[in-house]
Amino acid sequence: MALWRNKDSILTFTEPGAVYPTSIAPGSVLSDDISPMIRQLAGMGLMEPFDSVRSFIKEHPNARIAMIRTYALGDVLMLWAVINCVRRQYPFLNLTLLTDQSYVSVFEGSGMRVMAYRGIPEGYDLIFMMDSLLEKDHDGGDLSKIHRVNIYLRALGWER
């Protein structure tokens, strides 16, 4: 698995056999095991290699980071725990959780910036789309042997 970051502009493509197109916002970080299209976009020079959140933070300490999980409240709560872990190590970070409007009130008083997800986010240096990431653990592959929190950490390039 390699991580790639969209460099400059919104990238839109339709997966073979898909009905709807996929759009990737500037700053989005994706794993190439999510889609073969990610490798193709990287091969065309439209995406750059991404090492980890840690290395990015060292180079960009004022970065704005969004993590998106729009459904499955239990999985959103696990992402919240991951975000808190990152915030403990880097308390100066500008982190935002974007989720479904119905979940925003769950986080009131948590001290975390939580906002309703309303399409392609703008103004972030890094964007991690966590929707459908955890569902891959049901297919019996390597992810089925990893705790869901660790799957999130892996998607951030944060493996211990």
N, C-alpha and C. Protein backbone atom coordinates (compact mmCIF):
# COMPACT_ATOMS: atom_id res chain seq x y z
N MET A 1 0.85 -1.18 0.00
CA MET A 1 0.00 0.00 0.00
C MET A 1 0.89 1.24 0.00
N ALA A 2 0.61 2.15 -0.91
CA ALA A 2 1.31 3.43 -0.95
C ALA A 2 0.27 4.54 -0.82
N LEU A 3 0.67 5.64 -0.20
CA LEU A 3 -0.21 6.79 -0.05
C LEU A 3 0.18 7.86 -1.06
N TRP A 4 -0.85 8.52 -1.63
CA TRP A 4 -0.66 9.55 -2.65
C TRP A 4 -1.48 10.76 -2.29
N ARG A 5 -0.95 11.94 -2.60
CA ARG A 5 -1.65 13.21 -2.30
C ARG A 5 -1.93 13.94 -3.60
N ASN A 6 -3.19 14.35 -3.76
CA ASN A 6 -3.57 15.16 -4.92
C ASN A 6 -2.89 16.52 -4.79
N LYS A 7 -2.17 16.92 -5.82
CA LYS A 7 -1.34 18.12 -5.74
C LYS A 7 -2.12 19.42 -5.89
N ASP A 8 -2.87 19.59 -6.96
CA ASP A 8 -3.29 20.94 -7.31
C ASP A 8 -4.79 21.17 -7.51
N SER A 9 -5.42 20.37 -8.31
CA SER A 9 -6.80 20.67 -8.71
C SER A 9 -7.72 19.49 -8.46
N ILE A 10 -9.01 19.73 -8.57
CA ILE A 10 -9.98 18.65 -8.41
C ILE A 10 -9.78 17.65 -9.55
N LEU A 11 -9.62 16.40 -9.18
CA LEU A 11 -9.49 15.32 -10.16
C LEU A 11 -10.79 14.54 -10.18
N THR A 12 -11.35 14.33 -11.35
CA THR A 12 -12.59 13.58 -11.46
C THR A 12 -12.40 12.44 -12.46
N PHE A 13 -12.84 11.25 -12.07
CA PHE A 13 -12.73 10.09 -12.94
C PHE A 13 -13.88 9.14 -12.62
N THR A 14 -14.15 8.24 -13.53
CA THR A 14 -15.16 7.21 -13.31
C THR A 14 -14.47 5.86 -13.37
N GLU A 15 -14.60 5.12 -12.30
CA GLU A 15 -14.01 3.78 -12.23
C GLU A 15 -14.65 2.89 -13.29
N PRO A 16 -13.91 1.96 -13.86
CA PRO A 16 -14.52 1.00 -14.78
C PRO A 16 -15.70 0.28 -14.11
N GLY A 17 -16.83 0.29 -14.74
CA GLY A 17 -18.02 -0.36 -14.21
C GLY A 17 -18.82 0.49 -13.24
N ALA A 18 -18.32 1.66 -12.88
CA ALA A 18 -19.04 2.53 -11.94
C ALA A 18 -20.06 3.38 -12.68
N VAL A 19 -21.08 3.78 -11.97
CA VAL A 19 -22.12 4.63 -12.54
C VAL A 19 -21.78 6.10 -12.34
N TYR A 20 -21.29 6.43 -11.15
CA TYR A 20 -21.04 7.82 -10.80
C TYR A 20 -19.54 8.12 -10.78
N PRO A 21 -19.18 9.33 -11.15
CA PRO A 21 -17.77 9.70 -11.10
C PRO A 21 -17.29 9.94 -9.67
N THR A 22 -16.00 9.84 -9.48
CA THR A 22 -15.34 10.14 -8.22
C THR A 22 -14.57 11.43 -8.38
N SER A 23 -14.67 12.32 -7.41
CA SER A 23 -13.90 13.56 -7.43
C SER A 23 -12.96 13.57 -6.24
N ILE A 24 -11.73 14.00 -6.49
CA ILE A 24 -10.72 14.06 -5.44
C ILE A 24 -10.30 15.51 -5.29
N ALA A 25 -10.50 16.06 -4.11
CA ALA A 25 -10.17 17.47 -3.84
C ALA A 25 -8.66 17.65 -3.71
N PRO A 26 -8.17 18.85 -4.00
CA PRO A 26 -6.75 19.13 -3.75
C PRO A 26 -6.42 18.90 -2.28
N GLY A 27 -5.29 18.27 -2.02
CA GLY A 27 -4.89 17.96 -0.65
C GLY A 27 -5.34 16.59 -0.18
N SER A 28 -6.20 15.92 -0.95
CA SER A 28 -6.69 14.60 -0.55
C SER A 28 -5.56 13.57 -0.57
N VAL A 29 -5.55 12.73 0.46
CA VAL A 29 -4.57 11.65 0.55
C VAL A 29 -5.33 10.34 0.43
N LEU A 30 -4.86 9.50 -0.49
CA LEU A 30 -5.54 8.23 -0.75
C LEU A 30 -4.53 7.10 -0.86
N SER A 31 -4.96 5.92 -0.51
CA SER A 31 -4.14 4.73 -0.66
C SER A 31 -4.36 4.15 -2.05
N ASP A 32 -3.29 3.66 -2.67
CA ASP A 32 -3.45 3.09 -4.00
C ASP A 32 -4.13 1.73 -3.98
N ASP A 33 -4.38 1.16 -2.78
CA ASP A 33 -5.13 -0.09 -2.76
C ASP A 33 -6.64 0.15 -2.78
N ILE A 34 -7.06 1.41 -2.69
CA ILE A 34 -8.48 1.75 -2.79
C ILE A 34 -8.95 1.62 -4.23
N SER A 35 -8.10 2.05 -5.17
CA SER A 35 -8.49 2.05 -6.57
C SER A 35 -7.27 2.01 -7.47
N PRO A 36 -7.34 1.22 -8.55
CA PRO A 36 -6.24 1.23 -9.52
C PRO A 36 -6.09 2.59 -10.21
N MET A 37 -7.16 3.39 -10.20
CA MET A 37 -7.11 4.71 -10.81
C MET A 37 -6.12 5.63 -10.08
N ILE A 38 -5.93 5.41 -8.78
CA ILE A 38 -4.99 6.24 -8.02
C ILE A 38 -3.59 6.05 -8.58
N ARG A 39 -3.20 4.80 -8.86
CA ARG A 39 -1.88 4.53 -9.44
C ARG A 39 -1.75 5.19 -10.81
N GLN A 40 -2.82 5.15 -11.59
CA GLN A 40 -2.77 5.77 -12.92
C GLN A 40 -2.60 7.29 -12.81
N LEU A 41 -3.35 7.93 -11.91
CA LEU A 41 -3.23 9.37 -11.72
C LEU A 41 -1.83 9.74 -11.25
N ALA A 42 -1.26 8.91 -10.35
CA ALA A 42 0.10 9.15 -9.88
C ALA A 42 1.09 9.00 -11.03
N GLY A 43 0.88 8.00 -11.88
CA GLY A 43 1.75 7.79 -13.03
C GLY A 43 1.70 8.94 -14.02
N MET A 44 0.58 9.66 -14.04
CA MET A 44 0.44 10.83 -14.92
C MET A 44 1.00 12.09 -14.26
N GLY A 45 1.53 11.97 -13.04
CA GLY A 45 2.10 13.12 -12.34
C GLY A 45 1.07 14.01 -11.66
N LEU A 46 -0.18 13.53 -11.55
CA LEU A 46 -1.24 14.33 -10.95
C LEU A 46 -1.32 14.17 -9.43
N MET A 47 -0.65 13.14 -8.93
CA MET A 47 -0.61 12.91 -7.48
C MET A 47 0.84 12.69 -7.09
N GLU A 48 1.18 13.12 -5.87
CA GLU A 48 2.55 12.98 -5.40
C GLU A 48 2.60 11.97 -4.26
N PRO A 49 3.74 11.30 -4.07
CA PRO A 49 3.86 10.36 -2.95
C PRO A 49 3.64 11.09 -1.63
N PHE A 50 3.00 10.39 -0.70
CA PHE A 50 2.73 10.95 0.63
C PHE A 50 3.27 9.97 1.65
N ASP A 51 4.17 10.45 2.50
CA ASP A 51 4.81 9.57 3.47
C ASP A 51 3.92 9.34 4.68
N SER A 52 3.65 10.40 5.44
CA SER A 52 2.83 10.26 6.65
C SER A 52 2.40 11.63 7.14
N VAL A 53 1.39 11.62 8.00
CA VAL A 53 0.93 12.85 8.62
C VAL A 53 2.07 13.46 9.43
N ARG A 54 2.81 12.62 10.14
CA ARG A 54 3.91 13.13 10.97
C ARG A 54 4.91 13.94 10.15
N SER A 55 5.36 13.37 9.04
CA SER A 55 6.36 14.09 8.23
C SER A 55 5.76 15.35 7.61
N PHE A 56 4.49 15.30 7.23
CA PHE A 56 3.83 16.47 6.65
C PHE A 56 3.73 17.59 7.69
N ILE A 57 3.40 17.22 8.93
CA ILE A 57 3.26 18.20 10.01
C ILE A 57 4.61 18.88 10.28
N LYS A 58 5.68 18.11 10.24
CA LYS A 58 7.00 18.70 10.47
C LYS A 58 7.33 19.77 9.43
N GLU A 59 6.92 19.51 8.18
CA GLU A 59 7.20 20.46 7.10
C GLU A 59 6.16 21.58 7.03
N HIS A 60 4.95 21.33 7.52
CA HIS A 60 3.84 22.29 7.43
C HIS A 60 3.12 22.38 8.78
N PRO A 61 3.75 22.99 9.80
CA PRO A 61 3.16 22.98 11.14
C PRO A 61 1.82 23.72 11.24
N ASN A 62 1.51 24.59 10.31
CA ASN A 62 0.24 25.32 10.34
C ASN A 62 -0.81 24.74 9.40
N ALA A 63 -0.61 23.52 8.99
CA ALA A 63 -1.51 22.89 8.02
C ALA A 63 -2.92 22.75 8.58
N ARG A 64 -3.90 22.87 7.68
CA ARG A 64 -5.30 22.60 8.01
C ARG A 64 -5.61 21.19 7.51
N ILE A 65 -6.09 20.34 8.42
CA ILE A 65 -6.32 18.93 8.10
C ILE A 65 -7.77 18.57 8.35
N ALA A 66 -8.39 17.91 7.37
CA ALA A 66 -9.77 17.44 7.51
C ALA A 66 -9.78 15.92 7.43
N MET A 67 -10.56 15.31 8.31
CA MET A 67 -10.81 13.87 8.26
C MET A 67 -12.31 13.70 8.10
N ILE A 68 -12.68 12.90 7.11
CA ILE A 68 -14.09 12.77 6.74
C ILE A 68 -14.57 11.34 6.98
N ARG A 69 -15.63 11.23 7.75
CA ARG A 69 -16.36 9.97 7.92
C ARG A 69 -17.81 10.37 8.09
N THR A 70 -18.65 10.04 7.11
CA THR A 70 -20.01 10.58 7.09
C THR A 70 -21.09 9.62 7.59
N TYR A 71 -20.75 8.38 7.85
CA TYR A 71 -21.78 7.43 8.30
C TYR A 71 -21.17 6.43 9.28
N ALA A 72 -22.03 5.63 9.90
CA ALA A 72 -21.65 4.61 10.88
C ALA A 72 -21.08 5.28 12.13
N LEU A 73 -21.96 5.72 13.01
CA LEU A 73 -21.56 6.49 14.19
C LEU A 73 -20.46 5.81 15.00
N GLY A 74 -20.51 4.51 15.16
CA GLY A 74 -19.46 3.81 15.90
C GLY A 74 -18.09 4.01 15.26
N ASP A 75 -18.05 3.98 13.93
CA ASP A 75 -16.79 4.20 13.22
C ASP A 75 -16.36 5.66 13.31
N VAL A 76 -17.32 6.58 13.33
CA VAL A 76 -17.00 8.00 13.51
C VAL A 76 -16.39 8.20 14.90
N LEU A 77 -16.93 7.53 15.91
CA LEU A 77 -16.38 7.64 17.26
C LEU A 77 -14.96 7.07 17.34
N MET A 78 -14.69 5.99 16.60
CA MET A 78 -13.33 5.46 16.57
C MET A 78 -12.38 6.46 15.90
N LEU A 79 -12.86 7.13 14.85
CA LEU A 79 -12.04 8.15 14.20
C LEU A 79 -11.78 9.31 15.16
N TRP A 80 -12.78 9.65 15.95
CA TRP A 80 -12.63 10.70 16.95
C TRP A 80 -11.49 10.34 17.91
N ALA A 81 -11.40 9.08 18.32
CA ALA A 81 -10.32 8.63 19.20
C ALA A 81 -8.96 8.77 18.50
N VAL A 82 -8.90 8.45 17.23
CA VAL A 82 -7.66 8.59 16.46
C VAL A 82 -7.27 10.07 16.37
N ILE A 83 -8.23 10.92 16.10
CA ILE A 83 -7.95 12.36 16.01
C ILE A 83 -7.44 12.88 17.36
N ASN A 84 -8.03 12.42 18.46
CA ASN A 84 -7.55 12.83 19.79
C ASN A 84 -6.12 12.37 20.03
N CYS A 85 -5.78 11.20 19.55
CA CYS A 85 -4.40 10.70 19.67
C CYS A 85 -3.44 11.63 18.93
N VAL A 86 -3.80 12.01 17.72
CA VAL A 86 -2.97 12.93 16.93
C VAL A 86 -2.88 14.29 17.63
N ARG A 87 -4.01 14.77 18.12
CA ARG A 87 -4.03 16.08 18.79
C ARG A 87 -3.19 16.10 20.07
N ARG A 88 -3.11 14.98 20.78
CA ARG A 88 -2.27 14.93 21.98
C ARG A 88 -0.80 15.10 21.63
N GLN A 89 -0.39 14.53 20.52
CA GLN A 89 1.00 14.64 20.11
C GLN A 89 1.31 15.97 19.42
N TYR A 90 0.29 16.55 18.78
CA TYR A 90 0.45 17.81 18.05
C TYR A 90 -0.71 18.74 18.41
N PRO A 91 -0.70 19.32 19.61
CA PRO A 91 -1.85 20.11 20.07
C PRO A 91 -2.09 21.38 19.27
N PHE A 92 -1.11 21.85 18.51
CA PHE A 92 -1.25 23.06 17.72
C PHE A 92 -1.95 22.83 16.39
N LEU A 93 -2.19 21.59 16.03
CA LEU A 93 -2.77 21.28 14.72
C LEU A 93 -4.19 21.80 14.57
N ASN A 94 -4.49 22.18 13.36
CA ASN A 94 -5.83 22.63 13.00
C ASN A 94 -6.54 21.44 12.35
N LEU A 95 -7.17 20.61 13.18
CA LEU A 95 -7.85 19.39 12.72
C LEU A 95 -9.36 19.57 12.75
N THR A 96 -10.02 19.12 11.70
CA THR A 96 -11.47 19.18 11.63
C THR A 96 -12.02 17.81 11.26
N LEU A 97 -13.04 17.37 11.96
CA LEU A 97 -13.77 16.15 11.59
C LEU A 97 -15.01 16.60 10.83
N LEU A 98 -15.16 16.11 9.60
CA LEU A 98 -16.34 16.39 8.80
C LEU A 98 -17.18 15.13 8.77
N THR A 99 -18.44 15.27 9.18
CA THR A 99 -19.31 14.10 9.28
C THR A 99 -20.74 14.48 8.92
N ASP A 100 -21.64 13.54 9.02
CA ASP A 100 -23.05 13.79 8.74
C ASP A 100 -23.61 14.80 9.76
N GLN A 101 -24.47 15.66 9.28
CA GLN A 101 -25.08 16.69 10.14
C GLN A 101 -25.70 16.09 11.40
N SER A 102 -26.30 14.91 11.28
CA SER A 102 -26.97 14.31 12.44
C SER A 102 -26.00 13.88 13.53
N TYR A 103 -24.69 13.77 13.24
CA TYR A 103 -23.70 13.36 14.23
C TYR A 103 -22.99 14.54 14.90
N VAL A 104 -23.10 15.72 14.33
CA VAL A 104 -22.34 16.88 14.83
C VAL A 104 -22.63 17.13 16.30
N SER A 105 -23.89 17.05 16.70
CA SER A 105 -24.26 17.35 18.10
C SER A 105 -23.65 16.36 19.08
N VAL A 106 -23.32 15.16 18.64
CA VAL A 106 -22.70 14.15 19.51
C VAL A 106 -21.38 14.68 20.08
N PHE A 107 -20.72 15.54 19.32
CA PHE A 107 -19.38 16.01 19.69
C PHE A 107 -19.38 17.37 20.39
N GLU A 108 -20.55 17.93 20.65
CA GLU A 108 -20.62 19.21 21.35
C GLU A 108 -19.94 19.08 22.72
N GLY A 109 -19.11 20.05 23.04
CA GLY A 109 -18.39 20.05 24.31
C GLY A 109 -17.14 19.20 24.30
N SER A 110 -16.81 18.56 23.18
CA SER A 110 -15.64 17.68 23.13
C SER A 110 -14.34 18.45 22.93
N GLY A 111 -14.46 19.73 22.55
CA GLY A 111 -13.26 20.51 22.28
C GLY A 111 -12.69 20.28 20.89
N MET A 112 -13.35 19.46 20.11
CA MET A 112 -12.89 19.17 18.76
C MET A 112 -13.74 19.94 17.75
N ARG A 113 -13.11 20.40 16.70
CA ARG A 113 -13.85 21.08 15.62
C ARG A 113 -14.53 19.99 14.78
N VAL A 114 -15.85 19.96 14.83
CA VAL A 114 -16.65 19.00 14.07
C VAL A 114 -17.67 19.78 13.27
N MET A 115 -17.72 19.51 11.98
CA MET A 115 -18.63 20.22 11.09
C MET A 115 -19.34 19.23 10.18
N ALA A 116 -20.48 19.66 9.65
CA ALA A 116 -21.23 18.82 8.71
C ALA A 116 -20.49 18.78 7.38
N TYR A 117 -20.40 17.59 6.82
CA TYR A 117 -19.77 17.40 5.51
C TYR A 117 -20.76 17.82 4.44
N ARG A 118 -20.33 18.70 3.55
CA ARG A 118 -21.20 19.22 2.50
C ARG A 118 -20.51 19.18 1.14
N GLY A 119 -20.03 18.03 0.74
CA GLY A 119 -19.38 17.91 -0.56
C GLY A 119 -17.89 18.17 -0.48
N ILE A 120 -17.30 18.47 -1.60
CA ILE A 120 -15.85 18.62 -1.68
C ILE A 120 -15.39 19.76 -0.76
N PRO A 121 -14.59 19.42 0.26
CA PRO A 121 -14.13 20.46 1.19
C PRO A 121 -13.05 21.34 0.56
N GLU A 122 -13.03 22.59 0.94
CA GLU A 122 -12.06 23.53 0.40
C GLU A 122 -11.26 24.15 1.53
N GLY A 123 -10.03 24.56 1.23
CA GLY A 123 -9.21 25.28 2.19
C GLY A 123 -8.40 24.40 3.11
N TYR A 124 -8.32 23.12 2.85
CA TYR A 124 -7.53 22.21 3.68
C TYR A 124 -6.26 21.81 2.94
N ASP A 125 -5.18 21.64 3.70
CA ASP A 125 -3.92 21.20 3.12
C ASP A 125 -3.88 19.69 2.96
N LEU A 126 -4.56 18.99 3.87
CA LEU A 126 -4.69 17.54 3.80
C LEU A 126 -6.13 17.17 4.04
N ILE A 127 -6.62 16.21 3.25
CA ILE A 127 -7.98 15.71 3.42
C ILE A 127 -7.90 14.19 3.39
N PHE A 128 -8.43 13.56 4.42
CA PHE A 128 -8.48 12.11 4.48
C PHE A 128 -9.94 11.67 4.43
N MET A 129 -10.33 11.01 3.34
CA MET A 129 -11.68 10.48 3.19
C MET A 129 -11.69 9.08 3.79
N MET A 130 -12.35 8.93 4.91
CA MET A 130 -12.38 7.65 5.61
C MET A 130 -13.63 6.83 5.32
N ASP A 131 -14.55 7.37 4.54
CA ASP A 131 -15.73 6.59 4.15
C ASP A 131 -15.28 5.39 3.32
N SER A 132 -15.88 4.28 3.57
CA SER A 132 -15.66 2.99 2.90
C SER A 132 -14.30 2.37 3.20
N LEU A 133 -13.46 3.05 3.94
CA LEU A 133 -12.14 2.51 4.28
C LEU A 133 -12.28 1.29 5.19
N LEU A 134 -13.09 1.42 6.23
CA LEU A 134 -13.21 0.32 7.20
C LEU A 134 -14.01 -0.86 6.65
N GLU A 135 -14.88 -0.60 5.72
CA GLU A 135 -15.70 -1.68 5.19
C GLU A 135 -14.88 -2.73 4.45
N LYS A 136 -13.67 -2.38 4.06
CA LYS A 136 -12.79 -3.34 3.39
C LYS A 136 -12.34 -4.45 4.34
N ASP A 137 -12.56 -4.28 5.65
CA ASP A 137 -12.15 -5.33 6.58
C ASP A 137 -13.11 -6.52 6.56
N HIS A 138 -14.21 -6.41 5.82
CA HIS A 138 -15.18 -7.51 5.75
C HIS A 138 -14.87 -8.51 4.64
N ASP A 139 -13.90 -8.19 3.77
CA ASP A 139 -13.67 -9.05 2.61
C ASP A 139 -12.74 -10.22 2.88
N GLY A 140 -12.28 -10.36 4.12
CA GLY A 140 -11.44 -11.51 4.47
C GLY A 140 -9.97 -11.31 4.16
N GLY A 141 -9.58 -10.15 3.66
CA GLY A 141 -8.18 -9.88 3.35
C GLY A 141 -7.40 -9.48 4.59
N ASP A 142 -6.24 -8.87 4.38
CA ASP A 142 -5.37 -8.48 5.49
C ASP A 142 -6.05 -7.56 6.49
N LEU A 143 -6.94 -6.68 6.02
CA LEU A 143 -7.58 -5.73 6.93
C LEU A 143 -8.52 -6.41 7.92
N SER A 144 -8.98 -7.62 7.61
CA SER A 144 -9.89 -8.31 8.52
C SER A 144 -9.17 -8.76 9.79
N LYS A 145 -7.84 -8.70 9.79
CA LYS A 145 -7.05 -9.11 10.96
C LYS A 145 -6.54 -7.91 11.75
N ILE A 146 -6.93 -6.70 11.37
CA ILE A 146 -6.43 -5.48 11.99
C ILE A 146 -7.59 -4.76 12.67
N HIS A 147 -7.36 -4.23 13.87
CA HIS A 147 -8.39 -3.45 14.56
C HIS A 147 -8.72 -2.21 13.73
N ARG A 148 -9.95 -1.80 13.77
CA ARG A 148 -10.39 -0.66 12.96
C ARG A 148 -9.64 0.63 13.28
N VAL A 149 -9.28 0.86 14.51
CA VAL A 149 -8.49 2.05 14.85
C VAL A 149 -7.15 1.99 14.12
N ASN A 150 -6.55 0.82 14.06
CA ASN A 150 -5.27 0.68 13.37
C ASN A 150 -5.42 0.84 11.86
N ILE A 151 -6.58 0.51 11.31
CA ILE A 151 -6.82 0.76 9.89
C ILE A 151 -6.84 2.27 9.63
N TYR A 152 -7.47 3.01 10.51
CA TYR A 152 -7.45 4.47 10.39
C TYR A 152 -6.02 5.00 10.47
N LEU A 153 -5.25 4.54 11.47
CA LEU A 153 -3.87 4.99 11.63
C LEU A 153 -3.04 4.66 10.39
N ARG A 154 -3.27 3.51 9.82
CA ARG A 154 -2.56 3.10 8.61
C ARG A 154 -2.88 4.05 7.45
N ALA A 155 -4.14 4.45 7.33
CA ALA A 155 -4.55 5.35 6.27
C ALA A 155 -3.89 6.73 6.41
N LEU A 156 -3.48 7.08 7.63
CA LEU A 156 -2.80 8.34 7.89
C LEU A 156 -1.28 8.21 7.74
N GLY A 157 -0.81 6.99 7.46
CA GLY A 157 0.62 6.77 7.44
C GLY A 157 1.20 6.86 8.84
N TRP A 158 0.42 6.47 9.85
CA TRP A 158 0.77 6.66 11.25
C TRP A 158 1.10 5.34 11.93
N GLU A 159 1.33 4.29 11.18
CA GLU A 159 1.55 2.99 11.81
C GLU A 159 2.70 3.05 12.79
N ARG A 160 2.54 2.32 13.89
CA ARG A 160 3.57 2.33 14.93
C ARG A 160 4.73 1.45 14.56
